[in-house]
Structure formats: C-alpha cells, structure tokens
C-alpha cells in the first residue's frame, strides 16, 4: 500500500489495486498454511513408514493428500508470479 506522500505525488491508487493487494495477502497466507501442512504430512508419512506395523493404505492416502497440496502450492505460486512478456 502507498503512503500519503506517494499518493499525493501523482500516483493513482485504485480500489482494484487495494483489492489486489488484499487478494495477494490472502494467497500468501494460504500458501504458508499449505506449505506447513505439506511438511506435517511428510513427517507423518516418514513416521508411518518407519513403524513396524505401518498401515500401507493410510500411507498411500497421506501421499495422495501431499501431492494434492503440492499441486495447490504450485498453482498459488504461479498466480503470485507476475507474467513476464519477453
């Protein structure tokens, strides 16, 4: 967000710009939450794989969830990365 000095120096801040900043902030929060959940799943999968009676079905479910999270993380990172026209 721009300070009062920047706004008065000729820069135009529109509602769309402010809404875009809010949406970007929301995406960054979601991205952090997804990354944390992804790390937690990684730890849970490792613990299950190390256990003697590791439940293979549960491990597969956790791995599938982890892949789903990875896809969502990539999608959000792509949305946050500006398109560069070369």
PDB file of N, CA and C in Angstrom:
ATOM      1  N   UNK A   1       0.845  -1.167   0.000  1.00  0.00           N
ATOM      2  CA  UNK A   1       0.000   0.000   0.000  1.00  0.00           C
ATOM      3  C   UNK A   1       0.891   1.231   0.000  1.00  0.00           C
ATOM      4  N   UNK A   2       0.454   2.295  -0.621  1.00  0.00           N
ATOM      5  CA  UNK A   2       1.237   3.509  -0.733  1.00  0.00           C
ATOM      6  C   UNK A   2       0.980   4.417   0.449  1.00  0.00           C
ATOM      7  N   UNK A   3       1.997   5.181   0.836  1.00  0.00           N
ATOM      8  CA  UNK A   3       1.829   6.143   1.919  1.00  0.00           C
ATOM      9  C   UNK A   3       1.140   7.385   1.371  1.00  0.00           C
ATOM     10  N   UNK A   4       0.773   8.271   2.248  1.00  0.00           N
ATOM     11  CA  UNK A   4       0.110   9.500   1.838  1.00  0.00           C
ATOM     12  C   UNK A   4       0.962  10.334   0.907  1.00  0.00           C
ATOM     13  N   UNK A   5       2.292  10.361   1.150  1.00  0.00           N
ATOM     14  CA  UNK A   5       3.191  11.129   0.295  1.00  0.00           C
ATOM     15  C   UNK A   5       3.206  10.583  -1.126  1.00  0.00           C
ATOM     16  N   UNK A   6       3.200   9.259  -1.258  1.00  0.00           N
ATOM     17  CA  UNK A   6       3.235   8.655  -2.587  1.00  0.00           C
ATOM     18  C   UNK A   6       1.925   8.892  -3.326  1.00  0.00           C
ATOM     19  N   UNK A   7       0.827   8.894  -2.608  1.00  0.00           N
ATOM     20  CA  UNK A   7      -0.462   9.137  -3.255  1.00  0.00           C
ATOM     21  C   UNK A   7      -0.562  10.561  -3.772  1.00  0.00           C
ATOM     22  N   UNK A   8      -0.038  11.511  -3.011  1.00  0.00           N
ATOM     23  CA  UNK A   8      -0.164  12.904  -3.416  1.00  0.00           C
ATOM     24  C   UNK A   8       0.846  13.287  -4.492  1.00  0.00           C
ATOM     25  N   UNK A   9       1.816  12.426  -4.786  1.00  0.00           N
ATOM     26  CA  UNK A   9       2.831  12.758  -5.783  1.00  0.00           C
ATOM     27  C   UNK A   9       2.404  12.399  -7.201  1.00  0.00           C
ATOM     28  N   UNK A  10       1.119  12.114  -7.401  1.00  0.00           N
ATOM     29  CA  UNK A  10       0.643  11.846  -8.740  1.00  0.00           C
ATOM     30  C   UNK A  10       0.292  10.399  -8.979  1.00  0.00           C
ATOM     31  N   UNK A  11       0.631   9.514  -8.077  1.00  0.00           N
ATOM     32  CA  UNK A  11       0.287   8.103  -8.239  1.00  0.00           C
ATOM     33  C   UNK A  11      -1.196   7.930  -7.982  1.00  0.00           C
ATOM     34  N   UNK A  12      -1.829   7.148  -8.798  1.00  0.00           N
ATOM     35  CA  UNK A  12      -3.248   6.855  -8.645  1.00  0.00           C
ATOM     36  C   UNK A  12      -3.396   5.469  -8.041  1.00  0.00           C
ATOM     37  N   UNK A  13      -4.016   5.369  -6.886  1.00  0.00           N
ATOM     38  CA  UNK A  13      -4.286   4.081  -6.264  1.00  0.00           C
ATOM     39  C   UNK A  13      -5.771   3.827  -6.422  1.00  0.00           C
ATOM     40  N   UNK A  14      -6.094   2.754  -7.107  1.00  0.00           N
ATOM     41  CA  UNK A  14      -7.492   2.433  -7.338  1.00  0.00           C
ATOM     42  C   UNK A  14      -7.948   1.380  -6.350  1.00  0.00           C
ATOM     43  N   UNK A  15      -9.257   1.199  -6.270  1.00  0.00           N
ATOM     44  CA  UNK A  15      -9.815   0.156  -5.414  1.00  0.00           C
ATOM     45  C   UNK A  15      -9.348  -1.212  -5.890  1.00  0.00           C
ATOM     46  N   UNK A  16      -9.168  -1.373  -7.198  1.00  0.00           N
ATOM     47  CA  UNK A  16      -8.703  -2.651  -7.740  1.00  0.00           C
ATOM     48  C   UNK A  16      -7.290  -2.956  -7.250  1.00  0.00           C
ATOM     49  N   UNK A  17      -6.431  -1.921  -7.167  1.00  0.00           N
ATOM     50  CA  UNK A  17      -5.074  -2.122  -6.655  1.00  0.00           C
ATOM     51  C   UNK A  17      -5.110  -2.579  -5.205  1.00  0.00           C
ATOM     52  N   UNK A  18      -5.935  -1.911  -4.396  1.00  0.00           N
ATOM     53  CA  UNK A  18      -6.032  -2.276  -2.990  1.00  0.00           C
ATOM     54  C   UNK A  18      -6.646  -3.660  -2.829  1.00  0.00           C
ATOM     55  N   UNK A  19      -7.632  -3.990  -3.655  1.00  0.00           N
ATOM     56  CA  UNK A  19      -8.237  -5.325  -3.601  1.00  0.00           C
ATOM     57  C   UNK A  19      -7.216  -6.368  -4.032  1.00  0.00           C
ATOM     58  N   UNK A  20      -6.406  -6.039  -5.018  1.00  0.00           N
ATOM     59  CA  UNK A  20      -5.361  -6.951  -5.475  1.00  0.00           C
ATOM     60  C   UNK A  20      -4.343  -7.230  -4.385  1.00  0.00           C
ATOM     61  N   UNK A  21      -3.999  -6.194  -3.616  1.00  0.00           N
ATOM     62  CA  UNK A  21      -3.064  -6.380  -2.507  1.00  0.00           C
ATOM     63  C   UNK A  21      -3.674  -7.277  -1.443  1.00  0.00           C
ATOM     64  N   UNK A  22      -4.964  -7.114  -1.193  1.00  0.00           N
ATOM     65  CA  UNK A  22      -5.641  -7.964  -0.216  1.00  0.00           C
ATOM     66  C   UNK A  22      -5.704  -9.402  -0.681  1.00  0.00           C
ATOM     67  N   UNK A  23      -5.982  -9.597  -1.960  1.00  0.00           N
ATOM     68  CA  UNK A  23      -6.035 -10.950  -2.519  1.00  0.00           C
ATOM     69  C   UNK A  23      -4.654 -11.590  -2.482  1.00  0.00           C
ATOM     70  N   UNK A  24      -3.621 -10.807  -2.772  1.00  0.00           N
ATOM     71  CA  UNK A  24      -2.262 -11.339  -2.733  1.00  0.00           C
ATOM     72  C   UNK A  24      -1.896 -11.724  -1.306  1.00  0.00           C
ATOM     73  N   UNK A  25      -2.285 -10.911  -0.355  1.00  0.00           N
ATOM     74  CA  UNK A  25      -2.024 -11.225   1.050  1.00  0.00           C
ATOM     75  C   UNK A  25      -2.736 -12.511   1.458  1.00  0.00           C
ATOM     76  N   UNK A  26      -3.976 -12.677   0.995  1.00  0.00           N
ATOM     77  CA  UNK A  26      -4.726 -13.903   1.274  1.00  0.00           C
ATOM     78  C   UNK A  26      -4.027 -15.116   0.671  1.00  0.00           C
ATOM     79  N   UNK A  27      -3.544 -14.967  -0.566  1.00  0.00           N
ATOM     80  CA  UNK A  27      -2.844 -16.073  -1.231  1.00  0.00           C
ATOM     81  C   UNK A  27      -1.550 -16.430  -0.504  1.00  0.00           C
ATOM     82  N   UNK A  28      -0.838 -15.415  -0.023  1.00  0.00           N
ATOM     83  CA  UNK A  28       0.400 -15.681   0.710  1.00  0.00           C
ATOM     84  C   UNK A  28       0.114 -16.416   2.015  1.00  0.00           C
ATOM     85  N   UNK A  29      -0.975 -16.043   2.685  1.00  0.00           N
ATOM     86  CA  UNK A  29      -1.371 -16.745   3.905  1.00  0.00           C
ATOM     87  C   UNK A  29      -1.748 -18.187   3.626  1.00  0.00           C
ATOM     88  N   UNK A  30      -2.511 -18.391   2.562  1.00  0.00           N
ATOM     89  CA  UNK A  30      -2.904 -19.746   2.160  1.00  0.00           C
ATOM     90  C   UNK A  30      -1.675 -20.568   1.778  1.00  0.00           C
ATOM     91  N   UNK A  31      -0.741 -19.943   1.081  1.00  0.00           N
ATOM     92  CA  UNK A  31       0.486 -20.621   0.671  1.00  0.00           C
ATOM     93  C   UNK A  31       1.289 -21.078   1.890  1.00  0.00           C
ATOM     94  N   UNK A  32       1.405 -20.222   2.882  1.00  0.00           N
ATOM     95  CA  UNK A  32       2.137 -20.589   4.102  1.00  0.00           C
ATOM     96  C   UNK A  32       1.450 -21.748   4.817  1.00  0.00           C
ATOM     97  N   UNK A  33       0.117 -21.711   4.879  1.00  0.00           N
ATOM     98  CA  UNK A  33      -0.637 -22.778   5.540  1.00  0.00           C
ATOM     99  C   UNK A  33      -0.463 -24.103   4.803  1.00  0.00           C
ATOM    100  N   UNK A  34      -0.524 -24.067   3.473  1.00  0.00           N
ATOM    101  CA  UNK A  34      -0.363 -25.283   2.675  1.00  0.00           C
ATOM    102  C   UNK A  34       1.039 -25.866   2.810  1.00  0.00           C
ATOM    103  N   UNK A  35       2.044 -24.993   2.817  1.00  0.00           N
ATOM    104  CA  UNK A  35       3.421 -25.481   2.975  1.00  0.00           C
ATOM    105  C   UNK A  35       3.617 -26.148   4.333  1.00  0.00           C
ATOM    106  N   UNK A  36       3.024 -25.554   5.362  1.00  0.00           N
ATOM    107  CA  UNK A  36       3.134 -26.144   6.701  1.00  0.00           C
ATOM    108  C   UNK A  36       2.447 -27.508   6.750  1.00  0.00           C
ATOM    109  N   UNK A  37       1.251 -27.596   6.173  1.00  0.00           N
ATOM    110  CA  UNK A  37       0.541 -28.873   6.140  1.00  0.00           C
ATOM    111  C   UNK A  37       1.328 -29.914   5.338  1.00  0.00           C
ATOM    112  N   UNK A  38       1.957 -29.481   4.248  1.00  0.00           N
ATOM    113  CA  UNK A  38       2.763 -30.379   3.416  1.00  0.00           C
ATOM    114  C   UNK A  38       3.935 -30.945   4.226  1.00  0.00           C
ATOM    115  N   UNK A  39       4.609 -30.069   4.996  1.00  0.00           N
ATOM    116  CA  UNK A  39       5.714 -30.527   5.851  1.00  0.00           C
ATOM    117  C   UNK A  39       5.219 -31.499   6.920  1.00  0.00           C
ATOM    118  N   UNK A  40       4.062 -31.190   7.517  1.00  0.00           N
ATOM    119  CA  UNK A  40       3.493 -32.070   8.541  1.00  0.00           C
ATOM    120  C   UNK A  40       3.176 -33.445   7.969  1.00  0.00           C
ATOM    121  N   UNK A  41       2.614 -33.470   6.762  1.00  0.00           N
ATOM    122  CA  UNK A  41       2.310 -34.749   6.123  1.00  0.00           C
ATOM    123  C   UNK A  41       3.583 -35.536   5.841  1.00  0.00           C
ATOM    124  N   UNK A  42       4.614 -34.841   5.432  1.00  0.00           N
ATOM    125  CA  UNK A  42       5.891 -35.501   5.170  1.00  0.00           C
ATOM    126  C   UNK A  42       6.402 -36.191   6.434  1.00  0.00           C
ATOM    127  N   UNK A  43       6.309 -35.504   7.558  1.00  0.00           N
ATOM    128  CA  UNK A  43       6.737 -36.090   8.834  1.00  0.00           C
ATOM    129  C   UNK A  43       5.871 -37.280   9.214  1.00  0.00           C
ATOM    130  N   UNK A  44       4.566 -37.155   9.016  1.00  0.00           N
ATOM    131  CA  UNK A  44       3.650 -38.246   9.359  1.00  0.00           C
ATOM    132  C   UNK A  44       3.907 -39.474   8.490  1.00  0.00           C
ATOM    133  N   UNK A  45       4.156 -39.257   7.211  1.00  0.00           N
ATOM    134  CA  UNK A  45       4.440 -40.369   6.292  1.00  0.00           C
ATOM    135  C   UNK A  45       5.731 -41.069   6.708  1.00  0.00           C
ATOM    136  N   UNK A  46       6.760 -40.290   7.009  1.00  0.00           N
ATOM    137  CA  UNK A  46       8.030 -40.885   7.434  1.00  0.00           C
ATOM    138  C   UNK A  46       7.856 -41.707   8.706  1.00  0.00           C
ATOM    139  N   UNK A  47       7.081 -41.192   9.656  1.00  0.00           N
ATOM    140  CA  UNK A  47       6.858 -41.914  10.912  1.00  0.00           C
ATOM    141  C   UNK A  47       6.115 -43.224  10.658  1.00  0.00           C
ATOM    142  N   UNK A  48       5.099 -43.193   9.797  1.00  0.00           N
ATOM    143  CA  UNK A  48       4.354 -44.415   9.484  1.00  0.00           C
ATOM    144  C   UNK A  48       5.225 -45.435   8.755  1.00  0.00           C
ATOM    145  N   UNK A  49       6.070 -44.959   7.863  1.00  0.00           N
ATOM    146  CA  UNK A  49       6.942 -45.873   7.116  1.00  0.00           C
ATOM    147  C   UNK A  49       7.984 -46.525   8.025  1.00  0.00           C
ATOM    148  N   UNK A  50       8.408 -45.821   9.062  1.00  0.00           N
ATOM    149  CA  UNK A  50       9.386 -46.372  10.000  1.00  0.00           C
ATOM    150  C   UNK A  50       8.767 -47.368  10.982  1.00  0.00           C
ATOM    151  N   UNK A  51       7.477 -47.235  11.227  1.00  0.00           N
ATOM    152  CA  UNK A  51       6.837 -48.119  12.204  1.00  0.00           C
ATOM    153  C   UNK A  51       6.748 -49.541  11.648  1.00  0.00           C
ATOM    154  N   UNK A  52       6.784 -50.500  12.556  1.00  0.00           N
ATOM    155  CA  UNK A  52       6.753 -51.915  12.170  1.00  0.00           C
ATOM    156  C   UNK A  52       5.428 -52.261  11.504  1.00  0.00           C
ATOM    157  N   UNK A  53       4.352 -51.787  12.072  1.00  0.00           N
ATOM    158  CA  UNK A  53       3.023 -52.103  11.550  1.00  0.00           C
ATOM    159  C   UNK A  53       2.482 -50.927  10.737  1.00  0.00           C
ATOM    160  N   UNK A  54       3.311 -50.393   9.833  1.00  0.00           N
ATOM    161  CA  UNK A  54       2.884 -49.258   9.021  1.00  0.00           C
ATOM    162  C   UNK A  54       1.686 -49.613   8.158  1.00  0.00           C
ATOM    163  N   UNK A  55       0.640 -48.831   8.273  1.00  0.00           N
ATOM    164  CA  UNK A  55      -0.593 -49.042   7.516  1.00  0.00           C
ATOM    165  C   UNK A  55      -0.387 -48.510   6.096  1.00  0.00           C
ATOM    166  N   UNK A  56      -0.230 -49.417   5.140  1.00  0.00           N
ATOM    167  CA  UNK A  56       0.066 -49.023   3.759  1.00  0.00           C
ATOM    168  C   UNK A  56      -1.060 -48.193   3.138  1.00  0.00           C
ATOM    169  N   UNK A  57      -2.295 -48.508   3.475  1.00  0.00           N
ATOM    170  CA  UNK A  57      -3.419 -47.742   2.942  1.00  0.00           C
ATOM    171  C   UNK A  57      -3.372 -46.305   3.462  1.00  0.00           C
ATOM    172  N   UNK A  58      -3.097 -46.145   4.745  1.00  0.00           N
ATOM    173  CA  UNK A  58      -3.000 -44.808   5.330  1.00  0.00           C
ATOM    174  C   UNK A  58      -1.827 -44.038   4.722  1.00  0.00           C
ATOM    175  N   UNK A  59      -0.712 -44.719   4.510  1.00  0.00           N
ATOM    176  CA  UNK A  59       0.450 -44.071   3.896  1.00  0.00           C
ATOM    177  C   UNK A  59       0.101 -43.584   2.491  1.00  0.00           C
ATOM    178  N   UNK A  60      -0.586 -44.411   1.710  1.00  0.00           N
ATOM    179  CA  UNK A  60      -0.985 -44.019   0.351  1.00  0.00           C
ATOM    180  C   UNK A  60      -1.935 -42.824   0.380  1.00  0.00           C
ATOM    181  N   UNK A  61      -2.855 -42.808   1.323  1.00  0.00           N
ATOM    182  CA  UNK A  61      -3.788 -41.669   1.441  1.00  0.00           C
ATOM    183  C   UNK A  61      -3.034 -40.381   1.774  1.00  0.00           C
ATOM    184  N   UNK A  62      -2.084 -40.483   2.699  1.00  0.00           N
ATOM    185  CA  UNK A  62      -1.304 -39.304   3.066  1.00  0.00           C
ATOM    186  C   UNK A  62      -0.456 -38.817   1.896  1.00  0.00           C
ATOM    187  N   UNK A  63       0.116 -39.737   1.145  1.00  0.00           N
ATOM    188  CA  UNK A  63       0.914 -39.355  -0.023  1.00  0.00           C
ATOM    189  C   UNK A  63       0.048 -38.679  -1.085  1.00  0.00           C
ATOM    190  N   UNK A  64      -1.167 -39.178  -1.259  1.00  0.00           N
ATOM    191  CA  UNK A  64      -2.082 -38.569  -2.230  1.00  0.00           C
ATOM    192  C   UNK A  64      -2.457 -37.154  -1.786  1.00  0.00           C
ATOM    193  N   UNK A  65      -2.724 -36.988  -0.495  1.00  0.00           N
ATOM    194  CA  UNK A  65      -3.050 -35.671   0.047  1.00  0.00           C
ATOM    195  C   UNK A  65      -1.857 -34.723  -0.132  1.00  0.00           C
ATOM    196  N   UNK A  66      -0.660 -35.250   0.097  1.00  0.00           N
ATOM    197  CA  UNK A  66       0.554 -34.455  -0.054  1.00  0.00           C
ATOM    198  C   UNK A  66       0.716 -33.979  -1.498  1.00  0.00           C
ATOM    199  N   UNK A  67       0.448 -34.855  -2.466  1.00  0.00           N
ATOM    200  CA  UNK A  67       0.522 -34.465  -3.880  1.00  0.00           C
ATOM    201  C   UNK A  67      -0.524 -33.411  -4.231  1.00  0.00           C
ATOM    202  N   UNK A  68      -1.715 -33.552  -3.663  1.00  0.00           N
ATOM    203  CA  UNK A  68      -2.772 -32.562  -3.885  1.00  0.00           C
ATOM    204  C   UNK A  68      -2.335 -31.202  -3.350  1.00  0.00           C
ATOM    205  N   UNK A  69      -1.743 -31.198  -2.164  1.00  0.00           N
ATOM    206  CA  UNK A  69      -1.242 -29.949  -1.589  1.00  0.00           C
ATOM    207  C   UNK A  69      -0.143 -29.352  -2.460  1.00  0.00           C
ATOM    208  N   UNK A  70       0.757 -30.192  -2.962  1.00  0.00           N
ATOM    209  CA  UNK A  70       1.855 -29.728  -3.812  1.00  0.00           C
ATOM    210  C   UNK A  70       1.293 -29.047  -5.067  1.00  0.00           C
ATOM    211  N   UNK A  71       0.247 -29.631  -5.657  1.00  0.00           N
ATOM    212  CA  UNK A  71      -0.392 -29.026  -6.833  1.00  0.00           C
ATOM    213  C   UNK A  71      -0.989 -27.667  -6.491  1.00  0.00           C
ATOM    214  N   UNK A  72      -1.659 -27.574  -5.346  1.00  0.00           N
ATOM    215  CA  UNK A  72      -2.254 -26.296  -4.933  1.00  0.00           C
ATOM    216  C   UNK A  72      -1.176 -25.258  -4.659  1.00  0.00           C
ATOM    217  N   UNK A  73      -0.067 -25.693  -4.042  1.00  0.00           N
ATOM    218  CA  UNK A  73       1.044 -24.778  -3.775  1.00  0.00           C
ATOM    219  C   UNK A  73       1.594 -24.231  -5.086  1.00  0.00           C
ATOM    220  N   UNK A  74       1.831 -25.102  -6.065  1.00  0.00           N
ATOM    221  CA  UNK A  74       2.336 -24.651  -7.368  1.00  0.00           C
ATOM    222  C   UNK A  74       1.356 -23.694  -8.039  1.00  0.00           C
ATOM    223  N   UNK A  75       0.059 -23.980  -7.931  1.00  0.00           N
ATOM    224  CA  UNK A  75      -0.961 -23.125  -8.541  1.00  0.00           C
ATOM    225  C   UNK A  75      -0.935 -21.727  -7.912  1.00  0.00           C
ATOM    226  N   UNK A  76      -0.840 -21.659  -6.596  1.00  0.00           N
ATOM    227  CA  UNK A  76      -0.811 -20.364  -5.912  1.00  0.00           C
ATOM    228  C   UNK A  76       0.480 -19.622  -6.232  1.00  0.00           C
ATOM    229  N   UNK A  77       1.611 -20.334  -6.233  1.00  0.00           N
ATOM    230  CA  UNK A  77       2.880 -19.691  -6.587  1.00  0.00           C
ATOM    231  C   UNK A  77       2.825 -19.130  -8.001  1.00  0.00           C
ATOM    232  N   UNK A  78       2.190 -19.852  -8.912  1.00  0.00           N
ATOM    233  CA  UNK A  78       2.044 -19.379 -10.285  1.00  0.00           C
ATOM    234  C   UNK A  78       1.172 -18.125 -10.338  1.00  0.00           C
ATOM    235  N   UNK A  79       0.110 -18.101  -9.533  1.00  0.00           N
ATOM    236  CA  UNK A  79      -0.774 -16.936  -9.504  1.00  0.00           C
ATOM    237  C   UNK A  79      -0.058 -15.714  -8.926  1.00  0.00           C
ATOM    238  N   UNK A  80       0.864 -15.931  -8.005  1.00  0.00           N
ATOM    239  CA  UNK A  80       1.586 -14.825  -7.381  1.00  0.00           C
ATOM    240  C   UNK A  80       2.750 -14.321  -8.230  1.00  0.00           C
ATOM    241  N   UNK A  81       3.225 -15.145  -9.152  1.00  0.00           N
ATOM    242  CA  UNK A  81       4.353 -14.762 -10.000  1.00  0.00           C
ATOM    243  C   UNK A  81       3.834 -13.950 -11.182  1.00  0.00           C
ATOM    244  N   UNK A  82       4.331 -12.731 -11.341  1.00  0.00           N
ATOM    245  CA  UNK A  82       3.848 -11.908 -12.462  1.00  0.00           C
ATOM    246  C   UNK A  82       4.295 -12.485 -13.798  1.00  0.00           C
ATOM    247  N   UNK A  83       3.427 -12.335 -14.789  1.00  0.00           N
ATOM    248  CA  UNK A  83       3.764 -12.769 -16.142  1.00  0.00           C
ATOM    249  C   UNK A  83       4.792 -11.802 -16.718  1.00  0.00           C
ATOM    250  N   UNK A  84       5.823 -12.351 -17.313  1.00  0.00           N
ATOM    251  CA  UNK A  84       6.873 -11.531 -17.913  1.00  0.00           C
ATOM    252  C   UNK A  84       6.776 -11.681 -19.424  1.00  0.00           C
ATOM    253  N   UNK A  85       6.562 -10.566 -20.084  1.00  0.00           N
ATOM    254  CA  UNK A  85       6.475 -10.578 -21.540  1.00  0.00           C
ATOM    255  C   UNK A  85       7.870 -10.313 -22.078  1.00  0.00           C
ATOM    256  N   UNK A  86       8.395 -11.286 -22.805  1.00  0.00           N
ATOM    257  CA  UNK A  86       9.768 -11.152 -23.320  1.00  0.00           C
ATOM    258  C   UNK A  86       9.761 -10.632 -24.732  1.00  0.00           C
TER     259      UNK A  86
END
